[in-house]
Amino acid sequence: NSQKVVCIHRGCTELLPLNKVKEHESSLCKYMRMKCKYAQFGCAWRGTKLELEKHQGKDKSGGTQCTPVNQPLPECPFGKVAGLIEQFRLNRALHDQQIQQQQQQITASLRIIHMQGQQLMNIQAKSVDNLLDVFTFAYISLCLPKRFAATKDTTWRHLFQSPVARCTLYNFFLVLPTIVLIVRVIMAELR
């Protein structure tokens, strides 16, 4: 035969098989200690599950009996507004869910903005492999120094990042006077 034990809750005398004890003591026992479902709104009542049913039960006038600890059982103001409280709980849960969705959408939008910013910077990035970029860099840095100073950290940054790119620019600037001289001679010959 299986062993039986008595429930741990004061007042309960049920003998239970070992495999049913946990379920009985956690949810089925009428003598387990409980709080009123309106405790978070101010009801201080505590008692057994059996008393809770009476405490929250309907009285003759249609209200519920919900009272502070160790006081008689007049009608409870929390019971009278039970519908409002339940609506409040539902609205709060709905609002929490909506807030969480909005936060997820904001996070996703920020990720997309960051990725688009990176793509834009890659599109705008100048390279020493592109001869037009090198000529543009030389023109802006020599002829329009204020504009160059304003855009060097964004537009021209990639030309300064690697040592190879810097060497290419330095070599270009060393050869530039020779290129200008050759262009002048060619232009003079064409006239």
N, C-alpha and C. Protein backbone atom coordinates (compact mmCIF):
# COMPACT_ATOMS: atom_id res chain seq x y z
N ASN A 1 0.84 -1.19 0.00
CA ASN A 1 0.00 0.00 0.00
C ASN A 1 0.87 1.24 0.00
N SER A 2 0.32 2.35 -0.48
CA SER A 2 1.09 3.58 -0.54
C SER A 2 1.00 4.32 0.80
N GLN A 3 2.04 5.05 1.09
CA GLN A 3 2.08 5.82 2.32
C GLN A 3 1.25 7.07 2.17
N LYS A 4 0.64 7.50 3.26
CA LYS A 4 -0.16 8.72 3.26
C LYS A 4 0.36 9.64 4.34
N VAL A 5 0.27 10.93 4.05
CA VAL A 5 0.71 11.94 5.01
C VAL A 5 -0.39 12.97 5.19
N VAL A 6 -0.31 13.71 6.31
CA VAL A 6 -1.29 14.75 6.60
C VAL A 6 -0.80 16.05 5.98
N CYS A 7 -1.71 16.85 5.47
CA CYS A 7 -1.41 18.16 4.87
C CYS A 7 -0.75 19.06 5.92
N ILE A 8 0.17 19.92 5.49
CA ILE A 8 0.91 20.79 6.41
C ILE A 8 0.11 22.00 6.86
N HIS A 9 -0.96 22.35 6.17
CA HIS A 9 -1.72 23.55 6.52
C HIS A 9 -2.56 23.32 7.77
N ARG A 10 -2.50 24.31 8.68
CA ARG A 10 -3.23 24.24 9.95
C ARG A 10 -4.73 24.14 9.67
N GLY A 11 -5.37 23.17 10.29
CA GLY A 11 -6.80 22.96 10.14
C GLY A 11 -7.15 21.87 9.15
N CYS A 12 -6.24 21.53 8.24
CA CYS A 12 -6.51 20.50 7.24
C CYS A 12 -6.11 19.15 7.81
N THR A 13 -6.99 18.20 7.75
CA THR A 13 -6.72 16.87 8.31
C THR A 13 -6.70 15.80 7.21
N GLU A 14 -6.62 16.21 5.95
CA GLU A 14 -6.64 15.23 4.86
C GLU A 14 -5.39 14.38 4.88
N LEU A 15 -5.59 13.09 4.65
CA LEU A 15 -4.48 12.16 4.46
C LEU A 15 -4.29 12.00 2.96
N LEU A 16 -3.07 12.28 2.51
CA LEU A 16 -2.82 12.31 1.07
C LEU A 16 -1.73 11.31 0.69
N PRO A 17 -1.89 10.64 -0.48
CA PRO A 17 -0.79 9.82 -0.97
C PRO A 17 0.40 10.75 -1.31
N LEU A 18 1.60 10.26 -1.22
CA LEU A 18 2.80 11.08 -1.43
C LEU A 18 2.80 11.78 -2.79
N ASN A 19 2.27 11.11 -3.81
CA ASN A 19 2.32 11.73 -5.14
C ASN A 19 1.29 12.86 -5.30
N LYS A 20 0.40 13.08 -4.36
CA LYS A 20 -0.61 14.14 -4.44
C LYS A 20 -0.36 15.29 -3.46
N VAL A 21 0.63 15.14 -2.59
CA VAL A 21 0.87 16.12 -1.53
C VAL A 21 1.23 17.49 -2.11
N LYS A 22 2.16 17.53 -3.03
CA LYS A 22 2.63 18.82 -3.57
C LYS A 22 1.49 19.59 -4.23
N GLU A 23 0.70 18.91 -5.05
CA GLU A 23 -0.41 19.57 -5.73
C GLU A 23 -1.45 20.07 -4.71
N HIS A 24 -1.77 19.24 -3.73
CA HIS A 24 -2.76 19.62 -2.73
C HIS A 24 -2.30 20.84 -1.92
N GLU A 25 -1.06 20.79 -1.44
CA GLU A 25 -0.56 21.86 -0.57
C GLU A 25 -0.32 23.18 -1.32
N SER A 26 -0.09 23.12 -2.64
CA SER A 26 0.19 24.35 -3.38
C SER A 26 -1.06 24.99 -3.98
N SER A 27 -2.13 24.21 -4.22
CA SER A 27 -3.27 24.85 -4.88
C SER A 27 -4.64 24.33 -4.47
N LEU A 28 -4.74 23.13 -3.96
CA LEU A 28 -6.07 22.56 -3.71
C LEU A 28 -6.55 22.71 -2.27
N CYS A 29 -5.64 22.79 -1.32
CA CYS A 29 -6.02 22.80 0.09
C CYS A 29 -6.85 24.03 0.45
N LYS A 30 -8.00 23.82 1.10
CA LYS A 30 -8.88 24.92 1.51
C LYS A 30 -8.31 25.69 2.70
N TYR A 31 -7.25 25.16 3.33
CA TYR A 31 -6.69 25.80 4.53
C TYR A 31 -5.34 26.49 4.25
N MET A 32 -4.93 26.57 2.99
CA MET A 32 -3.67 27.28 2.70
C MET A 32 -3.88 28.78 2.88
N ARG A 33 -2.83 29.49 3.30
CA ARG A 33 -2.92 30.93 3.58
C ARG A 33 -2.99 31.70 2.25
N MET A 34 -3.84 32.71 2.21
CA MET A 34 -4.08 33.49 1.00
C MET A 34 -4.18 34.97 1.34
N LYS A 35 -4.04 35.80 0.30
CA LYS A 35 -4.32 37.23 0.40
C LYS A 35 -5.52 37.52 -0.48
N CYS A 36 -6.19 38.60 -0.20
CA CYS A 36 -7.31 39.05 -1.03
C CYS A 36 -6.77 39.45 -2.40
N LYS A 37 -7.55 39.23 -3.44
CA LYS A 37 -7.08 39.59 -4.78
C LYS A 37 -6.98 41.11 -4.95
N TYR A 38 -7.52 41.87 -4.01
CA TYR A 38 -7.41 43.32 -4.06
C TYR A 38 -6.32 43.84 -3.11
N ALA A 39 -5.43 42.97 -2.68
CA ALA A 39 -4.37 43.36 -1.73
C ALA A 39 -3.51 44.50 -2.28
N GLN A 40 -3.20 44.46 -3.56
CA GLN A 40 -2.36 45.52 -4.13
C GLN A 40 -3.08 46.86 -4.18
N PHE A 41 -4.40 46.86 -3.98
CA PHE A 41 -5.16 48.10 -3.98
C PHE A 41 -5.51 48.55 -2.56
N GLY A 42 -5.05 47.79 -1.55
CA GLY A 42 -5.24 48.24 -0.18
C GLY A 42 -5.93 47.29 0.77
N CYS A 43 -6.50 46.21 0.28
CA CYS A 43 -7.16 45.28 1.19
C CYS A 43 -6.10 44.48 1.94
N ALA A 44 -6.13 44.53 3.26
CA ALA A 44 -5.10 43.89 4.09
C ALA A 44 -5.52 42.51 4.57
N TRP A 45 -6.63 41.98 4.12
CA TRP A 45 -7.13 40.70 4.60
C TRP A 45 -6.18 39.57 4.24
N ARG A 46 -5.98 38.66 5.22
CA ARG A 46 -5.23 37.42 5.01
C ARG A 46 -5.98 36.32 5.75
N GLY A 47 -6.04 35.17 5.14
CA GLY A 47 -6.73 34.05 5.76
C GLY A 47 -6.58 32.80 4.92
N THR A 48 -7.42 31.80 5.22
CA THR A 48 -7.34 30.54 4.48
C THR A 48 -8.11 30.66 3.18
N LYS A 49 -7.87 29.70 2.30
CA LYS A 49 -8.57 29.69 1.02
C LYS A 49 -10.08 29.56 1.24
N LEU A 50 -10.47 28.79 2.23
CA LEU A 50 -11.88 28.63 2.55
C LEU A 50 -12.48 29.98 2.98
N GLU A 51 -11.78 30.72 3.83
CA GLU A 51 -12.25 32.04 4.27
C GLU A 51 -12.21 33.06 3.13
N LEU A 52 -11.24 32.89 2.20
CA LEU A 52 -11.13 33.80 1.06
C LEU A 52 -12.38 33.73 0.20
N GLU A 53 -12.89 32.54 0.00
CA GLU A 53 -14.11 32.40 -0.78
C GLU A 53 -15.25 33.16 -0.12
N LYS A 54 -15.33 33.11 1.20
CA LYS A 54 -16.36 33.88 1.91
C LYS A 54 -16.05 35.37 1.85
N HIS A 55 -14.77 35.71 2.05
CA HIS A 55 -14.33 37.11 2.05
C HIS A 55 -14.64 37.79 0.72
N GLN A 56 -14.35 37.13 -0.38
CA GLN A 56 -14.57 37.71 -1.70
C GLN A 56 -15.92 37.33 -2.28
N GLY A 57 -16.69 36.55 -1.55
CA GLY A 57 -17.96 36.08 -2.06
C GLY A 57 -19.00 37.18 -2.08
N LYS A 58 -20.08 36.97 -2.82
CA LYS A 58 -21.16 37.95 -2.91
C LYS A 58 -21.98 37.91 -1.63
N ASP A 59 -22.36 39.10 -1.16
CA ASP A 59 -23.26 39.15 -0.01
C ASP A 59 -24.69 39.34 -0.53
N LYS A 60 -25.64 39.52 0.36
CA LYS A 60 -27.05 39.61 -0.03
C LYS A 60 -27.33 40.83 -0.90
N SER A 61 -26.56 41.92 -0.74
CA SER A 61 -26.83 43.13 -1.51
C SER A 61 -26.13 43.12 -2.86
N GLY A 62 -25.36 42.07 -3.18
CA GLY A 62 -24.69 41.99 -4.48
C GLY A 62 -23.26 42.46 -4.46
N GLY A 63 -22.81 43.07 -3.36
CA GLY A 63 -21.42 43.51 -3.26
C GLY A 63 -20.56 42.37 -2.78
N THR A 64 -19.29 42.60 -2.60
CA THR A 64 -18.42 41.57 -2.05
C THR A 64 -18.05 41.95 -0.64
N GLN A 65 -17.65 40.95 0.11
CA GLN A 65 -17.23 41.20 1.50
C GLN A 65 -15.72 41.19 1.53
N CYS A 66 -15.13 42.34 1.64
CA CYS A 66 -13.68 42.46 1.62
C CYS A 66 -13.28 43.47 2.69
N THR A 67 -12.58 43.02 3.72
CA THR A 67 -12.29 43.92 4.84
C THR A 67 -10.84 43.86 5.25
N PRO A 68 -10.38 44.87 5.97
CA PRO A 68 -9.05 44.82 6.56
C PRO A 68 -8.96 43.70 7.59
N VAL A 69 -7.73 43.35 7.98
CA VAL A 69 -7.48 42.26 8.92
C VAL A 69 -8.22 42.47 10.24
N ASN A 70 -8.77 41.40 10.79
CA ASN A 70 -9.42 41.35 12.12
C ASN A 70 -10.55 42.36 12.28
N GLN A 71 -11.27 42.64 11.24
CA GLN A 71 -12.43 43.52 11.34
C GLN A 71 -13.64 42.76 10.83
N PRO A 72 -14.84 43.21 11.23
CA PRO A 72 -16.03 42.53 10.73
C PRO A 72 -16.10 42.63 9.21
N LEU A 73 -17.03 41.95 8.62
CA LEU A 73 -17.09 41.86 7.17
C LEU A 73 -18.15 42.77 6.55
N PRO A 74 -17.98 44.11 6.58
CA PRO A 74 -18.90 44.97 5.85
C PRO A 74 -18.57 44.89 4.36
N GLU A 75 -19.36 45.52 3.55
CA GLU A 75 -19.08 45.52 2.12
C GLU A 75 -17.75 46.22 1.86
N CYS A 76 -16.99 45.68 0.96
CA CYS A 76 -15.67 46.23 0.65
C CYS A 76 -15.77 47.21 -0.52
N PRO A 77 -15.14 48.37 -0.39
CA PRO A 77 -15.14 49.31 -1.53
C PRO A 77 -14.39 48.73 -2.73
N PHE A 78 -13.43 47.86 -2.48
CA PHE A 78 -12.69 47.25 -3.58
C PHE A 78 -13.58 46.29 -4.35
N GLY A 79 -14.45 45.60 -3.65
CA GLY A 79 -15.38 44.68 -4.31
C GLY A 79 -16.37 45.42 -5.17
N LYS A 80 -16.77 46.61 -4.74
CA LYS A 80 -17.73 47.39 -5.51
C LYS A 80 -17.14 47.89 -6.83
N VAL A 81 -15.84 48.06 -6.85
CA VAL A 81 -15.20 48.54 -8.07
C VAL A 81 -14.38 47.43 -8.74
N ALA A 82 -14.78 46.19 -8.50
CA ALA A 82 -14.04 45.05 -9.05
C ALA A 82 -13.93 45.13 -10.56
N GLY A 83 -15.00 45.54 -11.22
CA GLY A 83 -14.96 45.66 -12.68
C GLY A 83 -13.93 46.68 -13.15
N LEU A 84 -13.89 47.81 -12.43
CA LEU A 84 -12.90 48.84 -12.79
C LEU A 84 -11.47 48.35 -12.55
N ILE A 85 -11.30 47.63 -11.46
CA ILE A 85 -9.96 47.11 -11.14
C ILE A 85 -9.51 46.12 -12.21
N GLU A 86 -10.42 45.24 -12.61
CA GLU A 86 -10.08 44.26 -13.65
C GLU A 86 -9.79 44.97 -14.97
N GLN A 87 -10.57 45.99 -15.29
CA GLN A 87 -10.33 46.77 -16.52
C GLN A 87 -8.99 47.47 -16.44
N PHE A 88 -8.65 48.00 -15.25
CA PHE A 88 -7.35 48.64 -15.05
C PHE A 88 -6.22 47.65 -15.29
N ARG A 89 -6.36 46.45 -14.72
CA ARG A 89 -5.33 45.42 -14.90
C ARG A 89 -5.17 45.06 -16.38
N LEU A 90 -6.27 44.90 -17.07
CA LEU A 90 -6.21 44.56 -18.50
C LEU A 90 -5.57 45.70 -19.30
N ASN A 91 -5.97 46.93 -19.00
CA ASN A 91 -5.40 48.08 -19.71
C ASN A 91 -3.91 48.21 -19.44
N ARG A 92 -3.51 48.00 -18.18
CA ARG A 92 -2.09 48.10 -17.85
C ARG A 92 -1.29 47.03 -18.59
N ALA A 93 -1.81 45.81 -18.64
CA ALA A 93 -1.13 44.74 -19.37
C ALA A 93 -1.04 45.08 -20.86
N LEU A 94 -2.12 45.61 -21.42
CA LEU A 94 -2.13 46.00 -22.83
C LEU A 94 -1.14 47.13 -23.08
N HIS A 95 -1.11 48.12 -22.21
CA HIS A 95 -0.17 49.25 -22.37
C HIS A 95 1.27 48.79 -22.23
N ASP A 96 1.53 47.90 -21.28
CA ASP A 96 2.89 47.37 -21.13
C ASP A 96 3.34 46.65 -22.41
N GLN A 97 2.42 45.88 -22.99
CA GLN A 97 2.73 45.17 -24.22
C GLN A 97 2.98 46.15 -25.36
N GLN A 98 2.16 47.18 -25.47
CA GLN A 98 2.34 48.19 -26.52
C GLN A 98 3.65 48.94 -26.35
N ILE A 99 3.99 49.27 -25.11
CA ILE A 99 5.25 49.96 -24.84
C ILE A 99 6.43 49.09 -25.26
N GLN A 100 6.35 47.82 -24.93
CA GLN A 100 7.42 46.90 -25.30
C GLN A 100 7.55 46.80 -26.83
N GLN A 101 6.42 46.74 -27.53
CA GLN A 101 6.46 46.71 -28.99
C GLN A 101 7.07 47.99 -29.55
N GLN A 102 6.69 49.14 -28.98
CA GLN A 102 7.24 50.41 -29.44
C GLN A 102 8.75 50.48 -29.21
N GLN A 103 9.19 49.98 -28.06
CA GLN A 103 10.63 49.98 -27.77
C GLN A 103 11.38 49.08 -28.77
N GLN A 104 10.78 47.93 -29.11
CA GLN A 104 11.41 47.05 -30.10
C GLN A 104 11.47 47.72 -31.46
N GLN A 105 10.41 48.44 -31.83
CA GLN A 105 10.39 49.13 -33.12
C GLN A 105 11.42 50.25 -33.15
N ILE A 106 11.56 50.97 -32.04
CA ILE A 106 12.56 52.04 -31.96
C ILE A 106 13.96 51.46 -32.09
N THR A 107 14.21 50.36 -31.40
CA THR A 107 15.52 49.72 -31.46
C THR A 107 15.82 49.27 -32.89
N ALA A 108 14.83 48.66 -33.54
CA ALA A 108 15.01 48.21 -34.92
C ALA A 108 15.25 49.41 -35.85
N SER A 109 14.51 50.50 -35.64
CA SER A 109 14.69 51.70 -36.46
C SER A 109 16.08 52.29 -36.27
N LEU A 110 16.55 52.33 -35.04
CA LEU A 110 17.90 52.86 -34.77
C LEU A 110 18.97 52.01 -35.45
N ARG A 111 18.76 50.68 -35.44
CA ARG A 111 19.71 49.79 -36.13
C ARG A 111 19.73 50.09 -37.63
N ILE A 112 18.53 50.28 -38.21
CA ILE A 112 18.44 50.55 -39.64
C ILE A 112 19.10 51.89 -39.96
N ILE A 113 18.85 52.90 -39.14
CA ILE A 113 19.47 54.22 -39.35
C ILE A 113 20.99 54.11 -39.29
N HIS A 114 21.48 53.36 -38.32
CA HIS A 114 22.93 53.18 -38.19
C HIS A 114 23.50 52.49 -39.44
N MET A 115 22.82 51.44 -39.91
CA MET A 115 23.30 50.72 -41.09
C MET A 115 23.26 51.63 -42.33
N GLN A 116 22.21 52.43 -42.47
CA GLN A 116 22.12 53.34 -43.61
C GLN A 116 23.21 54.41 -43.54
N GLY A 117 23.50 54.88 -42.32
CA GLY A 117 24.59 55.84 -42.16
C GLY A 117 25.92 55.25 -42.58
N GLN A 118 26.15 53.99 -42.20
CA GLN A 118 27.39 53.31 -42.60
C GLN A 118 27.46 53.16 -44.12
N GLN A 119 26.31 52.79 -44.72
CA GLN A 119 26.28 52.65 -46.18
C GLN A 119 26.54 53.99 -46.86
N LEU A 120 25.94 55.04 -46.35
CA LEU A 120 26.15 56.37 -46.93
C LEU A 120 27.60 56.79 -46.83
N MET A 121 28.21 56.52 -45.69
CA MET A 121 29.63 56.86 -45.53
C MET A 121 30.48 56.05 -46.50
N ASN A 122 30.12 54.78 -46.71
CA ASN A 122 30.88 53.96 -47.66
C ASN A 122 30.70 54.47 -49.09
N ILE A 123 29.49 54.94 -49.41
CA ILE A 123 29.24 55.49 -50.74
C ILE A 123 30.03 56.78 -50.93
N GLN A 124 30.04 57.62 -49.89
CA GLN A 124 30.73 58.91 -49.98
C GLN A 124 32.23 58.80 -49.78
N ALA A 125 32.70 57.63 -49.37
CA ALA A 125 34.12 57.46 -49.07
C ALA A 125 34.97 57.69 -50.32
N LYS A 126 36.02 58.43 -50.15
CA LYS A 126 36.93 58.71 -51.24
C LYS A 126 38.07 57.71 -51.19
N SER A 127 38.63 57.40 -52.35
CA SER A 127 39.67 56.40 -52.42
C SER A 127 40.83 56.90 -53.26
N VAL A 128 42.04 56.48 -52.90
CA VAL A 128 43.21 56.87 -53.69
C VAL A 128 43.26 56.07 -54.98
N ASP A 129 42.47 55.03 -55.09
CA ASP A 129 42.42 54.24 -56.33
C ASP A 129 41.69 55.00 -57.43
N ASN A 130 40.86 55.96 -57.04
CA ASN A 130 40.10 56.74 -58.00
C ASN A 130 40.85 58.04 -58.26
N LEU A 131 41.36 58.22 -59.48
CA LEU A 131 42.16 59.38 -59.82
C LEU A 131 41.37 60.68 -59.68
N LEU A 132 40.07 60.63 -59.98
CA LEU A 132 39.23 61.82 -59.83
C LEU A 132 39.16 62.25 -58.37
N ASP A 133 39.06 61.26 -57.44
CA ASP A 133 39.05 61.59 -56.01
C ASP A 133 40.36 62.26 -55.59
N VAL A 134 41.47 61.78 -56.11
CA VAL A 134 42.77 62.36 -55.76
C VAL A 134 42.87 63.79 -56.28
N PHE A 135 42.45 64.03 -57.53
CA PHE A 135 42.47 65.39 -58.08
C PHE A 135 41.53 66.32 -57.31
N THR A 136 40.34 65.81 -56.98
CA THR A 136 39.39 66.61 -56.21
C THR A 136 39.97 66.96 -54.85
N PHE A 137 40.60 65.98 -54.22
CA PHE A 137 41.24 66.21 -52.92
C PHE A 137 42.31 67.30 -53.04
N ALA A 138 43.14 67.19 -54.06
CA ALA A 138 44.21 68.18 -54.24
C ALA A 138 43.62 69.57 -54.47
N TYR A 139 42.60 69.64 -55.32
CA TYR A 139 42.00 70.94 -55.62
C TYR A 139 41.39 71.56 -54.37
N ILE A 140 40.59 70.77 -53.64
CA ILE A 140 39.91 71.31 -52.45
C ILE A 140 40.92 71.67 -51.36
N SER A 141 41.91 70.82 -51.15
CA SER A 141 42.87 71.10 -50.07
C SER A 141 43.78 72.29 -50.40
N LEU A 142 44.09 72.52 -51.69
CA LEU A 142 44.97 73.62 -52.05
C LEU A 142 44.22 74.92 -52.34
N CYS A 143 43.06 74.80 -53.00
CA CYS A 143 42.35 76.01 -53.44
C CYS A 143 41.23 76.43 -52.50
N LEU A 144 40.66 75.48 -51.76
CA LEU A 144 39.54 75.79 -50.86
C LEU A 144 39.83 75.23 -49.47
N PRO A 145 40.82 75.80 -48.78
CA PRO A 145 41.22 75.22 -47.49
C PRO A 145 40.11 75.24 -46.42
N LYS A 146 39.24 76.26 -46.43
CA LYS A 146 38.17 76.28 -45.43
C LYS A 146 37.19 75.13 -45.66
N ARG A 147 36.84 74.91 -46.91
CA ARG A 147 35.94 73.79 -47.22
C ARG A 147 36.59 72.45 -46.88
N PHE A 148 37.88 72.35 -47.19
CA PHE A 148 38.60 71.11 -46.87
C PHE A 148 38.60 70.87 -45.36
N ALA A 149 38.86 71.92 -44.58
CA ALA A 149 38.89 71.77 -43.12
C ALA A 149 37.53 71.35 -42.58
N ALA A 150 36.46 71.84 -43.20
CA ALA A 150 35.11 71.49 -42.73
C ALA A 150 34.72 70.06 -43.09
N THR A 151 35.30 69.51 -44.17
CA THR A 151 34.87 68.17 -44.62
C THR A 151 35.93 67.10 -44.46
N LYS A 152 37.08 67.42 -43.92
CA LYS A 152 38.16 66.43 -43.89
C LYS A 152 37.84 65.22 -43.00
N ASP A 153 37.08 65.42 -41.92
CA ASP A 153 36.79 64.30 -41.02
C ASP A 153 35.69 63.39 -41.55
N THR A 154 34.87 63.87 -42.46
CA THR A 154 33.79 63.03 -42.98
C THR A 154 34.09 62.54 -44.38
N THR A 155 34.29 63.47 -45.30
CA THR A 155 34.44 63.09 -46.70
C THR A 155 35.82 62.51 -47.01
N TRP A 156 36.85 63.12 -46.46
CA TRP A 156 38.21 62.74 -46.83
C TRP A 156 38.90 61.83 -45.83
N ARG A 157 38.19 61.41 -44.81
CA ARG A 157 38.79 60.60 -43.75
C ARG A 157 39.45 59.34 -44.28
N HIS A 158 38.83 58.68 -45.26
CA HIS A 158 39.37 57.41 -45.76
C HIS A 158 40.71 57.59 -46.48
N LEU A 159 40.98 58.80 -46.94
CA LEU A 159 42.27 59.04 -47.59
C LEU A 159 43.40 59.16 -46.57
N PHE A 160 43.06 59.37 -45.30
CA PHE A 160 44.08 59.51 -44.26
C PHE A 160 44.22 58.26 -43.40
N GLN A 161 43.30 57.31 -43.50
CA GLN A 161 43.29 56.20 -42.56
C GLN A 161 44.47 55.25 -42.70
N SER A 162 44.82 54.88 -43.91
CA SER A 162 45.88 53.89 -44.06
C SER A 162 47.19 54.56 -44.49
N PRO A 163 48.32 53.98 -44.11
CA PRO A 163 49.61 54.54 -44.52
C PRO A 163 49.80 54.53 -46.05
N VAL A 164 49.25 53.52 -46.71
CA VAL A 164 49.39 53.43 -48.17
C VAL A 164 48.68 54.61 -48.83
N ALA A 165 47.47 54.92 -48.33
CA ALA A 165 46.72 56.05 -48.89
C ALA A 165 47.46 57.36 -48.65
N ARG A 166 48.01 57.53 -47.46
CA ARG A 166 48.75 58.75 -47.17
C ARG A 166 49.99 58.88 -48.07
N CYS A 167 50.70 57.78 -48.30
CA CYS A 167 51.87 57.81 -49.18
C CYS A 167 51.49 58.18 -50.61
N THR A 168 50.35 57.63 -51.06
CA THR A 168 49.87 57.96 -52.41
C THR A 168 49.59 59.45 -52.52
N LEU A 169 48.94 60.02 -51.51
CA LEU A 169 48.66 61.46 -51.54
C LEU A 169 49.94 62.29 -51.48
N TYR A 170 50.88 61.90 -50.63
CA TYR A 170 52.15 62.64 -50.54
C TYR A 170 52.89 62.61 -51.88
N ASN A 171 52.93 61.45 -52.51
CA ASN A 171 53.59 61.33 -53.82
C ASN A 171 52.88 62.20 -54.85
N PHE A 172 51.56 62.22 -54.80
CA PHE A 172 50.81 63.05 -55.75
C PHE A 172 51.16 64.52 -55.55
N PHE A 173 51.21 64.96 -54.30
CA PHE A 173 51.55 66.37 -54.05
C PHE A 173 52.98 66.69 -54.47
N LEU A 174 53.89 65.73 -54.39
CA LEU A 174 55.26 65.96 -54.84
C LEU A 174 55.33 66.08 -56.36
N VAL A 175 54.50 65.31 -57.04
CA VAL A 175 54.52 65.31 -58.51
C VAL A 175 53.63 66.41 -59.08
N LEU A 176 52.73 66.95 -58.29
CA LEU A 176 51.76 67.94 -58.77
C LEU A 176 52.41 69.14 -59.47
N PRO A 177 53.46 69.75 -58.93
CA PRO A 177 54.05 70.88 -59.65
C PRO A 177 54.55 70.49 -61.05
N THR A 178 55.07 69.29 -61.17
CA THR A 178 55.54 68.82 -62.48
C THR A 178 54.36 68.65 -63.43
N ILE A 179 53.26 68.10 -62.93
CA ILE A 179 52.07 67.91 -63.76
C ILE A 179 51.53 69.27 -64.20
N VAL A 180 51.50 70.24 -63.31
CA VAL A 180 51.01 71.58 -63.65
C VAL A 180 51.91 72.19 -64.73
N LEU A 181 53.23 72.03 -64.60
CA LEU A 181 54.16 72.56 -65.59
C LEU A 181 53.94 71.91 -66.95
N ILE A 182 53.77 70.61 -66.99
CA ILE A 182 53.54 69.89 -68.25
C ILE A 182 52.24 70.36 -68.90
N VAL A 183 51.18 70.55 -68.08
CA VAL A 183 49.91 71.01 -68.61
C VAL A 183 50.07 72.42 -69.18
N ARG A 184 50.83 73.28 -68.54
CA ARG A 184 51.06 74.65 -69.04
C ARG A 184 51.79 74.64 -70.37
N VAL A 185 52.81 73.79 -70.47
CA VAL A 185 53.58 73.71 -71.70
C VAL A 185 52.70 73.21 -72.84
N ILE A 186 51.91 72.21 -72.60
CA ILE A 186 51.01 71.67 -73.61
C ILE A 186 50.01 72.73 -74.04
N MET A 187 49.47 73.47 -73.10
CA MET A 187 48.50 74.52 -73.41
C MET A 187 49.15 75.64 -74.22
N ALA A 188 50.40 75.96 -73.91
CA ALA A 188 51.11 77.00 -74.64
C ALA A 188 51.39 76.56 -76.08
N GLU A 189 51.69 75.31 -76.28
CA GLU A 189 51.97 74.78 -77.61
C GLU A 189 50.71 74.74 -78.47
N LEU A 190 49.57 74.52 -77.83
CA LEU A 190 48.32 74.42 -78.55
C LEU A 190 47.83 75.79 -79.01
N ARG A 191 48.28 76.86 -78.39
CA ARG A 191 47.82 78.21 -78.76
C ARG A 191 48.54 78.67 -79.93
